[in-house]
Every structure is written in C-alpha cells, then in structure tokens.
C-alpha atoms as a PDB file:
ATOM      1  CA  UNK A   1      73.767 120.806 109.030  1.00  0.00           C
ATOM      2  CA  UNK A   2      71.911 117.919 107.394  1.00  0.00           C
ATOM      3  CA  UNK A   3      73.229 118.857 103.960  1.00  0.00           C
ATOM      4  CA  UNK A   4      76.848 118.832 105.193  1.00  0.00           C
ATOM      5  CA  UNK A   5      76.442 115.308 106.559  1.00  0.00           C
ATOM      6  CA  UNK A   6      75.076 114.099 103.215  1.00  0.00           C
ATOM      7  CA  UNK A   7      77.996 115.606 101.326  1.00  0.00           C
ATOM      8  CA  UNK A   8      80.530 113.961 103.618  1.00  0.00           C
ATOM      9  CA  UNK A   9      78.869 110.579 103.194  1.00  0.00           C
ATOM     10  CA  UNK A  10      78.881 110.764  99.410  1.00  0.00           C
ATOM     11  CA  UNK A  11      82.535 111.781  99.383  1.00  0.00           C
ATOM     12  CA  UNK A  12      83.485 108.766 101.484  1.00  0.00           C
ATOM     13  CA  UNK A  13      81.591 106.391  99.186  1.00  0.00           C
ATOM     14  CA  UNK A  14      83.339 107.791  96.117  1.00  0.00           C
ATOM     15  CA  UNK A  15      86.781 107.335  97.701  1.00  0.00           C
ATOM     16  CA  UNK A  16      86.197 103.675  98.522  1.00  0.00           C
ATOM     17  CA  UNK A  17      84.964 102.979  94.999  1.00  0.00           C
ATOM     18  CA  UNK A  18      88.012 104.589  93.398  1.00  0.00           C
ATOM     19  CA  UNK A  19      90.375 102.577  95.607  1.00  0.00           C
ATOM     20  CA  UNK A  20      88.709  99.302  94.680  1.00  0.00           C
ATOM     21  CA  UNK A  21      88.851  99.981  90.945  1.00  0.00           C
ATOM     22  CA  UNK A  22      92.612 100.657  91.008  1.00  0.00           C
ATOM     23  CA  UNK A  23      93.510  97.238  92.422  1.00  0.00           C
ATOM     24  CA  UNK A  24      91.774  95.094  89.836  1.00  0.00           C
ATOM     25  CA  UNK A  25      94.276  93.246  87.685  1.00  0.00           C
ATOM     26  CA  UNK A  26      94.098  89.892  86.013  1.00  0.00           C
ATOM     27  CA  UNK A  27      95.683  87.396  88.445  1.00  0.00           C
ATOM     28  CA  UNK A  28      97.420  85.528  85.633  1.00  0.00           C
ATOM     29  CA  UNK A  29      98.964  88.741  84.299  1.00  0.00           C
ATOM     30  CA  UNK A  30     100.023  89.796  87.769  1.00  0.00           C
ATOM     31  CA  UNK A  31     101.517  86.349  88.449  1.00  0.00           C
ATOM     32  CA  UNK A  32     103.531  86.444  85.213  1.00  0.00           C
ATOM     33  CA  UNK A  33     104.742  90.007  85.611  1.00  0.00           C
ATOM     34  CA  UNK A  34     105.771  89.512  89.241  1.00  0.00           C
ATOM     35  CA  UNK A  35     107.501  86.247  88.353  1.00  0.00           C
ATOM     36  CA  UNK A  36     109.472  87.803  85.509  1.00  0.00           C
ATOM     37  CA  UNK A  37     110.541  90.767  87.635  1.00  0.00           C
ATOM     38  CA  UNK A  38     111.552  88.427  90.455  1.00  0.00           C
ATOM     39  CA  UNK A  39     113.623  86.256  88.113  1.00  0.00           C
ATOM     40  CA  UNK A  40     115.298  89.318  86.605  1.00  0.00           C
ATOM     41  CA  UNK A  41     116.093  90.739  90.022  1.00  0.00           C
ATOM     42  CA  UNK A  42     117.364  87.623  91.756  1.00  0.00           C
ATOM     43  CA  UNK A  43     119.274  85.954  88.932  1.00  0.00           C
ATOM     44  CA  UNK A  44     120.433  89.251  87.494  1.00  0.00           C
ATOM     45  CA  UNK A  45     121.789  90.237  90.885  1.00  0.00           C
ATOM     46  CA  UNK A  46     123.538  86.906  91.407  1.00  0.00           C
ATOM     47  CA  UNK A  47     125.088  86.999  87.948  1.00  0.00           C
ATOM     48  CA  UNK A  48     126.189  90.599  88.532  1.00  0.00           C
ATOM     49  CA  UNK A  49     127.931  89.438  91.719  1.00  0.00           C
ATOM     50  CA  UNK A  50     129.827  86.684  89.931  1.00  0.00           C
ATOM     51  CA  UNK A  51     130.799  88.820  86.940  1.00  0.00           C
ATOM     52  CA  UNK A  52     131.833  91.682  89.242  1.00  0.00           C
ATOM     53  CA  UNK A  53     134.074  89.390  91.291  1.00  0.00           C
ATOM     54  CA  UNK A  54     135.674  87.994  88.127  1.00  0.00           C
ATOM     55  CA  UNK A  55     136.361  91.491  86.800  1.00  0.00           C
ATOM     56  CA  UNK A  56     137.903  92.627  90.092  1.00  0.00           C
ATOM     57  CA  UNK A  57     140.132  89.533  90.128  1.00  0.00           C
ATOM     58  CA  UNK A  58     141.214  90.280  86.543  1.00  0.00           C
ATOM     59  CA  UNK A  59     142.034  93.815  87.666  1.00  0.00           C
ATOM     60  CA  UNK A  60     144.203  92.324  90.431  1.00  0.00           C
ATOM     61  CA  UNK A  61     146.423  90.672  87.808  1.00  0.00           C
ATOM     62  CA  UNK A  62     146.512  93.731  85.528  1.00  0.00           C
ATOM     63  CA  UNK A  63     147.584  96.605  87.766  1.00  0.00           C
ATOM     64  CA  UNK A  64     147.563  99.294  85.064  1.00  0.00           C
ATOM     65  CA  UNK A  65     143.948  98.639  84.032  1.00  0.00           C
ATOM     66  CA  UNK A  66     141.137 100.874  85.370  1.00  0.00           C
ATOM     67  CA  UNK A  67     138.207  99.661  83.266  1.00  0.00           C
ATOM     68  CA  UNK A  68     137.860  96.219  84.862  1.00  0.00           C
ATOM     69  CA  UNK A  69     138.076  97.738  88.330  1.00  0.00           C
ATOM     70  CA  UNK A  70     135.382 100.341  87.688  1.00  0.00           C
ATOM     71  CA  UNK A  71     132.951  97.957  85.969  1.00  0.00           C
ATOM     72  CA  UNK A  72     133.546  95.225  88.550  1.00  0.00           C
ATOM     73  CA  UNK A  73     132.912  97.620  91.420  1.00  0.00           C
ATOM     74  CA  UNK A  74     129.761  98.963  89.785  1.00  0.00           C
ATOM     75  CA  UNK A  75     128.431  95.440  89.278  1.00  0.00           C
ATOM     76  CA  UNK A  76     129.171  94.488  92.883  1.00  0.00           C
ATOM     77  CA  UNK A  77     127.350  97.591  94.127  1.00  0.00           C
ATOM     78  CA  UNK A  78     124.356  97.086  91.801  1.00  0.00           C
ATOM     79  CA  UNK A  79     123.944  93.410  92.702  1.00  0.00           C
ATOM     80  CA  UNK A  80     122.501  93.895  96.187  1.00  0.00           C
ATOM     81  CA  UNK A  81     119.653  96.234  95.202  1.00  0.00           C
ATOM     82  CA  UNK A  82     118.809  93.915  92.302  1.00  0.00           C
ATOM     83  CA  UNK A  83     118.513  90.928  94.637  1.00  0.00           C
ATOM     84  CA  UNK A  84     116.358  92.946  97.038  1.00  0.00           C
ATOM     85  CA  UNK A  85     114.200  94.095  94.118  1.00  0.00           C
ATOM     86  CA  UNK A  86     113.685  90.482  93.068  1.00  0.00           C
ATOM     87  CA  UNK A  87     112.818  89.344  96.582  1.00  0.00           C
ATOM     88  CA  UNK A  88     110.138  92.028  96.849  1.00  0.00           C
ATOM     89  CA  UNK A  89     108.440  90.687  93.734  1.00  0.00           C
ATOM     90  CA  UNK A  90     108.710  87.089  94.965  1.00  0.00           C
ATOM     91  CA  UNK A  91     106.536  88.144  97.905  1.00  0.00           C
ATOM     92  CA  UNK A  92     104.007  89.846  95.602  1.00  0.00           C
ATOM     93  CA  UNK A  93     103.323  86.760  93.461  1.00  0.00           C
ATOM     94  CA  UNK A  94      99.683  85.811  94.164  1.00  0.00           C
ATOM     95  CA  UNK A  95      99.018  82.262  95.293  1.00  0.00           C
ATOM     96  CA  UNK A  96      96.786  79.947  93.286  1.00  0.00           C
ATOM     97  CA  UNK A  97      93.455  79.178  94.909  1.00  0.00           C
END
C-alpha cells in the first residue's frame, strides 16, 4: 500500500513539471507573433470584405460572368472567420509589465 502511494505522488509531480515546461516562451517573441497574426486576421478579413463586395457589384453589372461572383462570394464568406481569428490573437497578446 505504501509503495502505491509513492508511485502516485511521483506521477503527479512529473505531470506538473511537464505542463510548466510547455508554456515557457519568450514574451517578446510571443508578443510579436500574436501581433502579426492579429494584424493578418483583422485587416485581412476587412480587406477581404471590401474586395468581395466590389467583385459582387462588378458581377451585378456583368450578368454573364461567373468568376467575379464565385470569388466575391468566397471572399465574403472567408472574411468573418479571418476577423474572428485576428480577434482571438488580439486577446492573447501579453501585456507589458
């Protein structure tokens, strides 16, 4: 019985050590990477919205065209997840102390 308790205690200590090691990252590197991903997501999503709207409007004037409609629709659909992706990384940017 005593040996089982010792084994359980050592297993718990090893798990906490492995969790702590995985979260160590240079704060400056994390700040830069999160900032770049946030900029790509937010501004990429906003630009995809504007370009998608322009392409759909162009398709409205050219009834026989299918390329502008398909690309414009794809950009409008992809814009929302990109903005959400960027907002997630805005929240993950570490604050300066």
